[in-house]
Amino acid sequence: GVHRQVLFASLGWFVGYQLLKRTEYVYAKVDREMFEYIRQHPVDFHAAAEKKRIGQLLEDFHPIR
């Protein structure tokens, strides 16, 4: 009956919450390791000289009549 639906809904919420916490933990751990590696090897990860703006990426517009 209804008590079984409430039980499974709360169980599903709990399991989903735990999985989400675990996923965020794993991603945070990977990010931490990646940033530490980048900090230790700055030569391999030099910044780009200049970021291109969207106008520089697109071709000039020439209307066709």
PDB file of N, CA and C in Angstrom:
ATOM      1  N   GLY A   1       0.814  -1.181   0.000  1.00  0.00           N
ATOM      2  CA  GLY A   1       0.000   0.000   0.000  1.00  0.00           C
ATOM      3  C   GLY A   1       0.860   1.247   0.000  1.00  0.00           C
ATOM      4  N   VAL A   2       0.271   2.250   0.638  1.00  0.00           N
ATOM      5  CA  VAL A   2       0.898   3.571   0.655  1.00  0.00           C
ATOM      6  C   VAL A   2       2.196   3.546   1.460  1.00  0.00           C
ATOM      7  N   HIS A   3       2.213   2.780   2.565  1.00  0.00           N
ATOM      8  CA  HIS A   3       3.428   2.759   3.381  1.00  0.00           C
ATOM      9  C   HIS A   3       4.618   2.207   2.601  1.00  0.00           C
ATOM     10  N   ARG A   4       4.381   1.273   1.680  1.00  0.00           N
ATOM     11  CA  ARG A   4       5.456   0.725   0.865  1.00  0.00           C
ATOM     12  C   ARG A   4       5.958   1.773  -0.125  1.00  0.00           C
ATOM     13  N   GLN A   5       5.049   2.558  -0.688  1.00  0.00           N
ATOM     14  CA  GLN A   5       5.452   3.617  -1.618  1.00  0.00           C
ATOM     15  C   GLN A   5       6.288   4.674  -0.901  1.00  0.00           C
ATOM     16  N   VAL A   6       5.872   5.044   0.310  1.00  0.00           N
ATOM     17  CA  VAL A   6       6.633   6.023   1.085  1.00  0.00           C
ATOM     18  C   VAL A   6       8.003   5.463   1.436  1.00  0.00           C
ATOM     19  N   LEU A   7       8.055   4.194   1.811  1.00  0.00           N
ATOM     20  CA  LEU A   7       9.327   3.562   2.141  1.00  0.00           C
ATOM     21  C   LEU A   7      10.271   3.569   0.950  1.00  0.00           C
ATOM     22  N   PHE A   8       9.777   3.149  -0.224  1.00  0.00           N
ATOM     23  CA  PHE A   8      10.647   3.101  -1.399  1.00  0.00           C
ATOM     24  C   PHE A   8      11.032   4.493  -1.878  1.00  0.00           C
ATOM     25  N   ALA A   9      10.136   5.450  -1.757  1.00  0.00           N
ATOM     26  CA  ALA A   9      10.471   6.820  -2.152  1.00  0.00           C
ATOM     27  C   ALA A   9      11.563   7.381  -1.250  1.00  0.00           C
ATOM     28  N   SER A  10      11.426   7.169   0.062  1.00  0.00           N
ATOM     29  CA  SER A  10      12.454   7.675   0.976  1.00  0.00           C
ATOM     30  C   SER A  10      13.766   6.915   0.800  1.00  0.00           C
ATOM     31  N   LEU A  11      13.679   5.622   0.548  1.00  0.00           N
ATOM     32  CA  LEU A  11      14.881   4.836   0.294  1.00  0.00           C
ATOM     33  C   LEU A  11      15.572   5.301  -0.991  1.00  0.00           C
ATOM     34  N   GLY A  12      14.800   5.564  -2.032  1.00  0.00           N
ATOM     35  CA  GLY A  12      15.363   6.066  -3.284  1.00  0.00           C
ATOM     36  C   GLY A  12      16.011   7.424  -3.109  1.00  0.00           C
ATOM     37  N   TRP A  13      15.357   8.292  -2.307  1.00  0.00           N
ATOM     38  CA  TRP A  13      15.938   9.607  -2.058  1.00  0.00           C
ATOM     39  C   TRP A  13      17.267   9.463  -1.315  1.00  0.00           C
ATOM     40  N   PHE A  14      17.302   8.601  -0.310  1.00  0.00           N
ATOM     41  CA  PHE A  14      18.509   8.413   0.488  1.00  0.00           C
ATOM     42  C   PHE A  14      19.652   7.864  -0.367  1.00  0.00           C
ATOM     43  N   VAL A  15      19.369   6.851  -1.168  1.00  0.00           N
ATOM     44  CA  VAL A  15      20.407   6.258  -2.014  1.00  0.00           C
ATOM     45  C   VAL A  15      20.892   7.282  -3.041  1.00  0.00           C
ATOM     46  N   GLY A  16      19.970   8.042  -3.645  1.00  0.00           N
ATOM     47  CA  GLY A  16      20.361   9.075  -4.598  1.00  0.00           C
ATOM     48  C   GLY A  16      21.218  10.144  -3.960  1.00  0.00           C
ATOM     49  N   TYR A  17      20.856  10.541  -2.748  1.00  0.00           N
ATOM     50  CA  TYR A  17      21.626  11.547  -2.027  1.00  0.00           C
ATOM     51  C   TYR A  17      23.044  11.048  -1.748  1.00  0.00           C
ATOM     52  N   GLN A  18      23.167   9.804  -1.304  1.00  0.00           N
ATOM     53  CA  GLN A  18      24.488   9.241  -1.018  1.00  0.00           C
ATOM     54  C   GLN A  18      25.325   9.112  -2.295  1.00  0.00           C
ATOM     55  N   LEU A  19      24.698   8.699  -3.382  1.00  0.00           N
ATOM     56  CA  LEU A  19      25.425   8.596  -4.656  1.00  0.00           C
ATOM     57  C   LEU A  19      25.890   9.961  -5.133  1.00  0.00           C
ATOM     58  N   LEU A  20      25.055  10.979  -4.965  1.00  0.00           N
ATOM     59  CA  LEU A  20      25.435  12.328  -5.368  1.00  0.00           C
ATOM     60  C   LEU A  20      26.601  12.836  -4.522  1.00  0.00           C
ATOM     61  N   LYS A  21      26.557  12.589  -3.209  1.00  0.00           N
ATOM     62  CA  LYS A  21      27.670  12.994  -2.345  1.00  0.00           C
ATOM     63  C   LYS A  21      28.956  12.288  -2.751  1.00  0.00           C
ATOM     64  N   ARG A  22      28.866  11.010  -3.042  1.00  0.00           N
ATOM     65  CA  ARG A  22      30.054  10.242  -3.447  1.00  0.00           C
ATOM     66  C   ARG A  22      30.616  10.768  -4.769  1.00  0.00           C
ATOM     67  N   THR A  23      29.731  11.059  -5.718  1.00  0.00           N
ATOM     68  CA  THR A  23      30.167  11.582  -7.013  1.00  0.00           C
ATOM     69  C   THR A  23      30.865  12.923  -6.847  1.00  0.00           C
ATOM     70  N   GLU A  24      30.284  13.819  -6.057  1.00  0.00           N
ATOM     71  CA  GLU A  24      30.913  15.120  -5.838  1.00  0.00           C
ATOM     72  C   GLU A  24      32.264  14.971  -5.146  1.00  0.00           C
ATOM     73  N   TYR A  25      32.373  14.016  -4.217  1.00  0.00           N
ATOM     74  CA  TYR A  25      33.643  13.771  -3.539  1.00  0.00           C
ATOM     75  C   TYR A  25      34.709  13.295  -4.531  1.00  0.00           C
ATOM     76  N   VAL A  26      34.343  12.375  -5.404  1.00  0.00           N
ATOM     77  CA  VAL A  26      35.302  11.847  -6.378  1.00  0.00           C
ATOM     78  C   VAL A  26      35.753  12.958  -7.326  1.00  0.00           C
ATOM     79  N   TYR A  27      34.802  13.777  -7.802  1.00  0.00           N
ATOM     80  CA  TYR A  27      35.179  14.876  -8.701  1.00  0.00           C
ATOM     81  C   TYR A  27      36.070  15.895  -7.989  1.00  0.00           C
ATOM     82  N   ALA A  28      35.780  16.197  -6.726  1.00  0.00           N
ATOM     83  CA  ALA A  28      36.610  17.136  -5.971  1.00  0.00           C
ATOM     84  C   ALA A  28      38.014  16.574  -5.779  1.00  0.00           C
ATOM     85  N   LYS A  29      38.105  15.284  -5.530  1.00  0.00           N
ATOM     86  CA  LYS A  29      39.414  14.648  -5.349  1.00  0.00           C
ATOM     87  C   LYS A  29      40.226  14.706  -6.642  1.00  0.00           C
ATOM     88  N   VAL A  30      39.588  14.410  -7.766  1.00  0.00           N
ATOM     89  CA  VAL A  30      40.275  14.467  -9.063  1.00  0.00           C
ATOM     90  C   VAL A  30      40.712  15.900  -9.371  1.00  0.00           C
ATOM     91  N   ASP A  31      39.835  16.873  -9.115  1.00  0.00           N
ATOM     92  CA  ASP A  31      40.189  18.271  -9.351  1.00  0.00           C
ATOM     93  C   ASP A  31      41.374  18.690  -8.494  1.00  0.00           C
ATOM     94  N   ARG A  32      41.365  18.282  -7.228  1.00  0.00           N
ATOM     95  CA  ARG A  32      42.455  18.631  -6.319  1.00  0.00           C
ATOM     96  C   ARG A  32      43.774  18.058  -6.820  1.00  0.00           C
ATOM     97  N   GLU A  33      43.760  16.802  -7.250  1.00  0.00           N
ATOM     98  CA  GLU A  33      44.980  16.185  -7.771  1.00  0.00           C
ATOM     99  C   GLU A  33      45.443  16.861  -9.062  1.00  0.00           C
ATOM    100  N   MET A  34      44.487  17.219  -9.935  1.00  0.00           N
ATOM    101  CA  MET A  34      44.838  17.857 -11.199  1.00  0.00           C
ATOM    102  C   MET A  34      45.455  19.239 -10.957  1.00  0.00           C
ATOM    103  N   PHE A  35      44.838  20.040 -10.066  1.00  0.00           N
ATOM    104  CA  PHE A  35      45.380  21.373  -9.798  1.00  0.00           C
ATOM    105  C   PHE A  35      46.744  21.298  -9.122  1.00  0.00           C
ATOM    106  N   GLU A  36      46.945  20.294  -8.288  1.00  0.00           N
ATOM    107  CA  GLU A  36      48.255  20.113  -7.653  1.00  0.00           C
ATOM    108  C   GLU A  36      49.305  19.753  -8.713  1.00  0.00           C
ATOM    109  N   TYR A  37      48.945  18.901  -9.661  1.00  0.00           N
ATOM    110  CA  TYR A  37      49.860  18.547 -10.734  1.00  0.00           C
ATOM    111  C   TYR A  37      50.191  19.774 -11.588  1.00  0.00           C
ATOM    112  N   ILE A  38      49.172  20.566 -11.900  1.00  0.00           N
ATOM    113  CA  ILE A  38      49.405  21.775 -12.699  1.00  0.00           C
ATOM    114  C   ILE A  38      50.302  22.748 -11.934  1.00  0.00           C
ATOM    115  N   ARG A  39      50.094  22.847 -10.618  1.00  0.00           N
ATOM    116  CA  ARG A  39      50.922  23.743  -9.809  1.00  0.00           C
ATOM    117  C   ARG A  39      52.372  23.285  -9.788  1.00  0.00           C
ATOM    118  N   GLN A  40      52.592  21.971  -9.799  1.00  0.00           N
ATOM    119  CA  GLN A  40      53.963  21.449  -9.745  1.00  0.00           C
ATOM    120  C   GLN A  40      54.655  21.457 -11.110  1.00  0.00           C
ATOM    121  N   HIS A  41      53.897  21.531 -12.196  1.00  0.00           N
ATOM    122  CA  HIS A  41      54.467  21.517 -13.547  1.00  0.00           C
ATOM    123  C   HIS A  41      53.951  22.711 -14.352  1.00  0.00           C
ATOM    124  N   PRO A  42      54.326  23.931 -13.990  1.00  0.00           N
ATOM    125  CA  PRO A  42      53.789  25.106 -14.685  1.00  0.00           C
ATOM    126  C   PRO A  42      54.268  25.243 -16.132  1.00  0.00           C
ATOM    127  N   VAL A  43      55.399  24.638 -16.466  1.00  0.00           N
ATOM    128  CA  VAL A  43      55.929  24.763 -17.831  1.00  0.00           C
ATOM    129  C   VAL A  43      55.019  24.048 -18.831  1.00  0.00           C
ATOM    130  N   ASP A  44      54.443  22.945 -18.411  1.00  0.00           N
ATOM    131  CA  ASP A  44      53.576  22.176 -19.305  1.00  0.00           C
ATOM    132  C   ASP A  44      52.237  22.846 -19.555  1.00  0.00           C
ATOM    133  N   PHE A  45      51.852  23.807 -18.705  1.00  0.00           N
ATOM    134  CA  PHE A  45      50.528  24.405 -18.792  1.00  0.00           C
ATOM    135  C   PHE A  45      50.627  25.923 -18.866  1.00  0.00           C
ATOM    136  N   HIS A  46      51.333  26.429 -19.859  1.00  0.00           N
ATOM    137  CA  HIS A  46      51.446  27.875 -19.997  1.00  0.00           C
ATOM    138  C   HIS A  46      50.129  28.450 -20.524  1.00  0.00           C
ATOM    139  N   ALA A  47      49.851  29.676 -20.131  1.00  0.00           N
ATOM    140  CA  ALA A  47      48.609  30.341 -20.541  1.00  0.00           C
ATOM    141  C   ALA A  47      48.726  30.796 -21.996  1.00  0.00           C
ATOM    142  N   ALA A  48      47.602  30.835 -22.660  1.00  0.00           N
ATOM    143  CA  ALA A  48      47.584  31.314 -24.047  1.00  0.00           C
ATOM    144  C   ALA A  48      47.959  32.793 -24.074  1.00  0.00           C
ATOM    145  N   ALA A  49      48.584  33.204 -25.158  1.00  0.00           N
ATOM    146  CA  ALA A  49      49.038  34.582 -25.260  1.00  0.00           C
ATOM    147  C   ALA A  49      47.858  35.552 -25.206  1.00  0.00           C
ATOM    148  N   GLU A  50      46.836  35.259 -25.972  1.00  0.00           N
ATOM    149  CA  GLU A  50      45.675  36.145 -26.002  1.00  0.00           C
ATOM    150  C   GLU A  50      44.441  35.313 -26.313  1.00  0.00           C
ATOM    151  N   LYS A  51      43.393  35.540 -25.573  1.00  0.00           N
ATOM    152  CA  LYS A  51      42.154  34.838 -25.854  1.00  0.00           C
ATOM    153  C   LYS A  51      41.452  35.534 -27.011  1.00  0.00           C
ATOM    154  N   LYS A  52      40.936  34.729 -27.927  1.00  0.00           N
ATOM    155  CA  LYS A  52      40.219  35.309 -29.056  1.00  0.00           C
ATOM    156  C   LYS A  52      38.797  35.634 -28.640  1.00  0.00           C
ATOM    157  N   ARG A  53      38.313  36.726 -29.138  1.00  0.00           N
ATOM    158  CA  ARG A  53      36.941  37.118 -28.883  1.00  0.00           C
ATOM    159  C   ARG A  53      36.049  36.472 -29.935  1.00  0.00           C
ATOM    160  N   ILE A  54      34.767  36.448 -29.684  1.00  0.00           N
ATOM    161  CA  ILE A  54      33.843  35.758 -30.578  1.00  0.00           C
ATOM    162  C   ILE A  54      33.861  36.385 -31.976  1.00  0.00           C
ATOM    163  N   GLY A  55      34.081  37.677 -32.054  1.00  0.00           N
ATOM    164  CA  GLY A  55      34.146  38.344 -33.354  1.00  0.00           C
ATOM    165  C   GLY A  55      35.353  37.921 -34.174  1.00  0.00           C
ATOM    166  N   GLN A  56      36.413  37.516 -33.518  1.00  0.00           N
ATOM    167  CA  GLN A  56      37.604  37.070 -34.226  1.00  0.00           C
ATOM    168  C   GLN A  56      37.456  35.631 -34.708  1.00  0.00           C
ATOM    169  N   LEU A  57      36.581  34.872 -34.073  1.00  0.00           N
ATOM    170  CA  LEU A  57      36.390  33.485 -34.472  1.00  0.00           C
ATOM    171  C   LEU A  57      35.462  33.342 -35.666  1.00  0.00           C
ATOM    172  N   LEU A  58      34.489  34.245 -35.766  1.00  0.00           N
ATOM    173  CA  LEU A  58      33.504  34.157 -36.841  1.00  0.00           C
ATOM    174  C   LEU A  58      33.996  34.881 -38.080  1.00  0.00           C
ATOM    175  N   GLU A  59      33.537  34.425 -39.240  1.00  0.00           N
ATOM    176  CA  GLU A  59      33.903  35.083 -40.485  1.00  0.00           C
ATOM    177  C   GLU A  59      33.079  36.357 -40.639  1.00  0.00           C
ATOM    178  N   ASP A  60      33.598  37.270 -41.454  1.00  0.00           N
ATOM    179  CA  ASP A  60      32.856  38.507 -41.720  1.00  0.00           C
ATOM    180  C   ASP A  60      31.574  38.164 -42.463  1.00  0.00           C
ATOM    181  N   PHE A  61      30.520  38.922 -42.160  1.00  0.00           N
ATOM    182  CA  PHE A  61      29.223  38.690 -42.775  1.00  0.00           C
ATOM    183  C   PHE A  61      29.114  39.529 -44.045  1.00  0.00           C
ATOM    184  N   HIS A  62      28.840  38.839 -45.177  1.00  0.00           N
ATOM    185  CA  HIS A  62      28.627  39.510 -46.450  1.00  0.00           C
ATOM    186  C   HIS A  62      27.254  39.085 -46.980  1.00  0.00           C
ATOM    187  N   PRO A  63      26.276  39.974 -46.915  1.00  0.00           N
ATOM    188  CA  PRO A  63      24.929  39.584 -47.346  1.00  0.00           C
ATOM    189  C   PRO A  63      24.881  39.301 -48.841  1.00  0.00           C
ATOM    190  N   ILE A  64      24.086  38.327 -49.243  1.00  0.00           N
ATOM    191  CA  ILE A  64      23.901  37.973 -50.637  1.00  0.00           C
ATOM    192  C   ILE A  64      22.599  38.602 -51.111  1.00  0.00           C
ATOM    193  N   ARG A  65      22.660  39.302 -52.204  1.00  0.00           N
ATOM    194  CA  ARG A  65      21.443  39.953 -52.718  1.00  0.00           C
ATOM    195  C   ARG A  65      20.863  39.168 -53.845  1.00  0.00           C
TER     196      ARG A  65
END
